[in-house]
Amino acid sequence: MEVAMPALDKAASELSVTDVYDIAAVVGQEFERIIDVFGCDAIAKLMPKVVRLLELLEVLVSRNQLDPEMEELRLELDRLRLERIDRIDRERKHQQ
């Protein structure tokens, strides 16, 4: 019996961390089925790569879930850092 995966039907920008966990659970079930039929060796090299991919996806999705105020603050901080670097460069040129 195949489990419906609504998370796999979503656009990447709509994914939540919970969706990533749901995907990981379904992938894990598929790995178990493959192991039952072919043994552990059949996926020994693939499993760590898939796990790492899911970890990366989790991080990317969690970054996209920042609330708008946090994202605005992060952008403002980046802007201020760039201004500071620019000011330091101008001061160096002026001193030379």
Protein backbone atom coordinates (compact mmCIF):
# COMPACT_ATOMS: atom_id res chain seq x y z
CA MET A 1 0.00 0.00 0.00
CA GLU A 2 1.54 3.28 -1.12
CA VAL A 3 1.29 6.26 1.24
CA ALA A 4 0.06 9.54 -0.27
CA MET A 5 2.78 12.20 -0.06
CA PRO A 6 1.18 15.64 -0.23
CA ALA A 7 4.58 17.15 0.64
CA LEU A 8 5.99 15.87 -2.63
CA ASP A 9 3.21 17.64 -4.53
CA LYS A 10 4.03 21.04 -2.98
CA ALA A 11 6.16 23.73 -4.52
CA ALA A 12 9.59 23.95 -2.89
CA SER A 13 8.75 27.37 -1.42
CA GLU A 14 5.72 25.89 0.36
CA LEU A 15 7.56 23.07 2.14
CA SER A 16 7.71 23.07 5.93
CA VAL A 17 10.12 21.28 8.23
CA THR A 18 7.29 18.88 9.05
CA ASP A 19 6.99 18.09 5.34
CA VAL A 20 10.70 17.22 5.26
CA TYR A 21 10.19 14.87 8.22
CA ASP A 22 7.23 13.28 6.42
CA ILE A 23 9.36 12.78 3.31
CA ALA A 24 12.14 11.28 5.42
CA ALA A 25 9.69 8.83 6.99
CA VAL A 26 8.41 7.68 3.60
CA VAL A 27 11.96 7.35 2.23
CA GLY A 28 12.85 5.33 5.34
CA GLN A 29 9.92 2.99 4.73
CA GLU A 30 11.07 2.48 1.14
CA PHE A 31 14.60 1.72 2.35
CA GLU A 32 13.16 -0.89 4.73
CA ARG A 33 11.27 -2.55 1.87
CA ILE A 34 14.43 -2.67 -0.25
CA ILE A 35 16.42 -4.08 2.68
CA ASP A 36 13.78 -6.77 3.25
CA VAL A 37 14.05 -7.91 -0.36
CA PHE A 38 17.71 -7.31 -1.23
CA GLY A 39 19.52 -6.89 2.10
CA CYS A 40 21.39 -3.96 3.64
CA ASP A 41 24.18 -4.00 1.08
CA ALA A 42 21.74 -2.87 -1.61
CA ILE A 43 21.50 0.62 -0.09
CA ALA A 44 24.59 0.86 2.11
CA LYS A 45 26.24 3.55 -0.01
CA LEU A 46 23.02 5.35 -0.91
CA MET A 47 21.52 5.77 2.57
CA PRO A 48 24.10 8.22 3.99
CA LYS A 49 23.76 10.39 0.89
CA VAL A 50 19.98 10.49 1.16
CA VAL A 51 20.17 11.25 4.88
CA ARG A 52 22.57 14.14 4.18
CA LEU A 53 20.30 15.43 1.43
CA LEU A 54 17.33 15.39 3.80
CA GLU A 55 19.38 17.25 6.43
CA LEU A 56 20.27 19.92 3.89
CA LEU A 57 16.65 20.19 2.81
CA GLU A 58 15.59 20.62 6.43
CA VAL A 59 18.03 23.50 6.90
CA LEU A 60 16.95 25.22 3.70
CA VAL A 61 13.26 24.86 4.51
CA SER A 62 13.75 26.13 8.06
CA ARG A 63 15.52 29.23 6.70
CA ASN A 64 12.55 29.91 4.46
CA GLN A 65 10.20 29.74 7.43
CA LEU A 66 11.63 32.80 9.15
CA ASP A 67 8.85 35.14 10.05
CA PRO A 68 8.75 38.30 7.94
CA GLU A 69 9.95 40.53 10.80
CA MET A 70 13.03 38.34 11.38
CA GLU A 71 13.78 38.34 7.66
CA GLU A 72 13.48 42.13 7.57
CA LEU A 73 15.87 42.45 10.51
CA ARG A 74 18.34 40.10 8.86
CA LEU A 75 18.28 42.15 5.65
CA GLU A 76 18.76 45.36 7.62
CA LEU A 77 21.73 43.84 9.45
CA ASP A 78 23.27 42.79 6.13
CA ARG A 79 22.77 46.32 4.78
CA LEU A 80 24.41 47.87 7.83
CA ARG A 81 27.37 45.51 7.56
CA LEU A 82 27.88 46.50 3.93
CA GLU A 83 27.67 50.20 4.84
CA ARG A 84 30.27 49.69 7.56
CA ILE A 85 32.64 47.94 5.16
CA ASP A 86 32.15 50.73 2.62
CA ARG A 87 32.82 53.40 5.28
CA ILE A 88 36.00 51.63 6.42
CA ASP A 89 37.20 51.43 2.81
CA ARG A 90 36.54 55.16 2.30
CA GLU A 91 38.38 56.03 5.50
CA ARG A 92 41.40 53.97 4.39
CA LYS A 93 41.47 55.71 1.03
CA HIS A 94 41.13 59.10 2.70
CA GLN A 95 44.05 58.35 5.06
CA GLN A 96 46.28 57.33 2.16
